[in-house]
C-alpha atoms as a PDB file:
ATOM      1  CA  UNK A   1     -97.392 134.605 -76.546  1.00  0.00           C
ATOM      2  CA  UNK A   2     -96.746 132.175 -73.704  1.00  0.00           C
ATOM      3  CA  UNK A   3     -95.999 133.599 -70.264  1.00  0.00           C
ATOM      4  CA  UNK A   4     -93.261 131.759 -68.407  1.00  0.00           C
ATOM      5  CA  UNK A   5     -94.220 133.394 -65.109  1.00  0.00           C
ATOM      6  CA  UNK A   6     -96.521 130.499 -64.204  1.00  0.00           C
ATOM      7  CA  UNK A   7     -93.613 128.094 -64.481  1.00  0.00           C
ATOM      8  CA  UNK A   8     -91.053 130.364 -62.848  1.00  0.00           C
ATOM      9  CA  UNK A   9     -93.256 130.961 -59.803  1.00  0.00           C
ATOM     10  CA  UNK A  10     -93.886 127.250 -59.376  1.00  0.00           C
ATOM     11  CA  UNK A  11     -97.066 126.778 -61.362  1.00  0.00           C
ATOM     12  CA  UNK A  12     -98.250 123.228 -61.960  1.00  0.00           C
ATOM     13  CA  UNK A  13     -94.793 121.792 -62.649  1.00  0.00           C
ATOM     14  CA  UNK A  14     -92.817 123.395 -59.799  1.00  0.00           C
ATOM     15  CA  UNK A  15     -89.361 122.269 -58.709  1.00  0.00           C
ATOM     16  CA  UNK A  16     -86.670 121.833 -61.328  1.00  0.00           C
ATOM     17  CA  UNK A  17     -88.790 123.215 -64.160  1.00  0.00           C
ATOM     18  CA  UNK A  18     -89.179 126.525 -62.321  1.00  0.00           C
ATOM     19  CA  UNK A  19     -85.425 126.700 -61.706  1.00  0.00           C
ATOM     20  CA  UNK A  20     -84.715 125.888 -65.361  1.00  0.00           C
ATOM     21  CA  UNK A  21     -87.059 128.596 -66.622  1.00  0.00           C
ATOM     22  CA  UNK A  22     -85.609 131.142 -64.181  1.00  0.00           C
ATOM     23  CA  UNK A  23     -82.082 130.258 -65.343  1.00  0.00           C
ATOM     24  CA  UNK A  24     -83.164 130.474 -68.974  1.00  0.00           C
ATOM     25  CA  UNK A  25     -84.720 133.875 -68.377  1.00  0.00           C
ATOM     26  CA  UNK A  26     -81.539 135.101 -66.633  1.00  0.00           C
ATOM     27  CA  UNK A  27     -79.351 133.695 -69.410  1.00  0.00           C
ATOM     28  CA  UNK A  28     -81.348 135.393 -72.142  1.00  0.00           C
ATOM     29  CA  UNK A  29     -81.356 138.734 -70.308  1.00  0.00           C
ATOM     30  CA  UNK A  30     -77.591 138.535 -69.769  1.00  0.00           C
ATOM     31  CA  UNK A  31     -76.995 137.645 -73.414  1.00  0.00           C
ATOM     32  CA  UNK A  32     -79.146 140.574 -74.553  1.00  0.00           C
ATOM     33  CA  UNK A  33     -77.203 142.884 -72.209  1.00  0.00           C
ATOM     34  CA  UNK A  34     -73.905 141.608 -73.606  1.00  0.00           C
ATOM     35  CA  UNK A  35     -74.988 142.233 -77.208  1.00  0.00           C
ATOM     36  CA  UNK A  36     -76.317 145.699 -76.392  1.00  0.00           C
ATOM     37  CA  UNK A  37     -73.174 146.660 -74.479  1.00  0.00           C
ATOM     38  CA  UNK A  38     -70.962 145.441 -77.300  1.00  0.00           C
ATOM     39  CA  UNK A  39     -72.939 147.461 -79.842  1.00  0.00           C
ATOM     40  CA  UNK A  40     -72.692 150.563 -77.667  1.00  0.00           C
ATOM     41  CA  UNK A  41     -68.946 150.006 -77.263  1.00  0.00           C
ATOM     42  CA  UNK A  42     -68.548 149.996 -81.044  1.00  0.00           C
ATOM     43  CA  UNK A  43     -70.603 153.179 -81.350  1.00  0.00           C
ATOM     44  CA  UNK A  44     -68.608 154.903 -78.588  1.00  0.00           C
ATOM     45  CA  UNK A  45     -65.327 153.837 -80.182  1.00  0.00           C
ATOM     46  CA  UNK A  46     -66.458 155.166 -83.577  1.00  0.00           C
ATOM     47  CA  UNK A  47     -67.270 158.488 -81.919  1.00  0.00           C
ATOM     48  CA  UNK A  48     -63.790 158.602 -80.434  1.00  0.00           C
ATOM     49  CA  UNK A  49     -64.908 158.223 -76.810  1.00  0.00           C
ATOM     50  CA  UNK A  50     -62.426 155.652 -75.566  1.00  0.00           C
ATOM     51  CA  UNK A  51     -63.473 155.875 -71.921  1.00  0.00           C
ATOM     52  CA  UNK A  52     -67.123 155.147 -72.720  1.00  0.00           C
ATOM     53  CA  UNK A  53     -66.123 152.323 -75.068  1.00  0.00           C
ATOM     54  CA  UNK A  54     -63.982 150.766 -72.338  1.00  0.00           C
ATOM     55  CA  UNK A  55     -66.845 151.006 -69.867  1.00  0.00           C
ATOM     56  CA  UNK A  56     -69.203 149.302 -72.338  1.00  0.00           C
ATOM     57  CA  UNK A  57     -66.717 146.509 -73.007  1.00  0.00           C
ATOM     58  CA  UNK A  58     -66.439 145.914 -69.266  1.00  0.00           C
ATOM     59  CA  UNK A  59     -70.243 145.806 -69.017  1.00  0.00           C
ATOM     60  CA  UNK A  60     -70.331 143.322 -71.890  1.00  0.00           C
ATOM     61  CA  UNK A  61     -67.798 141.058 -70.180  1.00  0.00           C
ATOM     62  CA  UNK A  62     -69.786 141.210 -66.932  1.00  0.00           C
ATOM     63  CA  UNK A  63     -72.971 140.302 -68.822  1.00  0.00           C
ATOM     64  CA  UNK A  64     -71.225 137.366 -70.488  1.00  0.00           C
ATOM     65  CA  UNK A  65     -70.124 136.137 -67.055  1.00  0.00           C
ATOM     66  CA  UNK A  66     -73.752 136.352 -65.875  1.00  0.00           C
ATOM     67  CA  UNK A  67     -74.773 134.423 -68.988  1.00  0.00           C
ATOM     68  CA  UNK A  68     -72.196 131.741 -68.268  1.00  0.00           C
ATOM     69  CA  UNK A  69     -73.364 131.394 -64.657  1.00  0.00           C
ATOM     70  CA  UNK A  70     -77.031 131.137 -65.651  1.00  0.00           C
ATOM     71  CA  UNK A  71     -76.265 128.700 -68.458  1.00  0.00           C
ATOM     72  CA  UNK A  72     -74.256 126.530 -66.054  1.00  0.00           C
ATOM     73  CA  UNK A  73     -77.485 125.940 -64.104  1.00  0.00           C
ATOM     74  CA  UNK A  74     -79.197 124.749 -67.283  1.00  0.00           C
ATOM     75  CA  UNK A  75     -76.216 122.658 -68.339  1.00  0.00           C
ATOM     76  CA  UNK A  76     -76.063 120.980 -64.917  1.00  0.00           C
ATOM     77  CA  UNK A  77     -79.725 120.028 -65.254  1.00  0.00           C
ATOM     78  CA  UNK A  78     -79.069 118.423 -68.635  1.00  0.00           C
ATOM     79  CA  UNK A  79     -76.120 116.444 -67.283  1.00  0.00           C
ATOM     80  CA  UNK A  80     -78.215 115.174 -64.367  1.00  0.00           C
ATOM     81  CA  UNK A  81     -80.989 114.167 -66.769  1.00  0.00           C
ATOM     82  CA  UNK A  82     -78.553 112.296 -69.007  1.00  0.00           C
ATOM     83  CA  UNK A  83     -77.183 110.367 -66.044  1.00  0.00           C
ATOM     84  CA  UNK A  84     -80.608 109.134 -65.038  1.00  0.00           C
ATOM     85  CA  UNK A  85     -81.378 107.992 -68.590  1.00  0.00           C
ATOM     86  CA  UNK A  86     -78.131 106.050 -68.831  1.00  0.00           C
ATOM     87  CA  UNK A  87     -78.864 104.259 -65.581  1.00  0.00           C
ATOM     88  CA  UNK A  88     -82.275 103.114 -66.815  1.00  0.00           C
END
């Protein structure tokens, strides 16, 4: 298994690569949280606990917002990279 910590902390590449890996790590964590919260919401709803299901849905929405924010960092990096290729 490859450890991304070397890249996230700066490693040999540093700079934008470290920021991209940190954003990717945050995006994946947020997506995992969203999936887990959604699954728990379904379980709570099946058990008839509406309050817990509502809380889990709210947690899922918050995790999806975190995912969107982290992915925006990655998407901005791709757009900047495309612009430099078009100029060349």
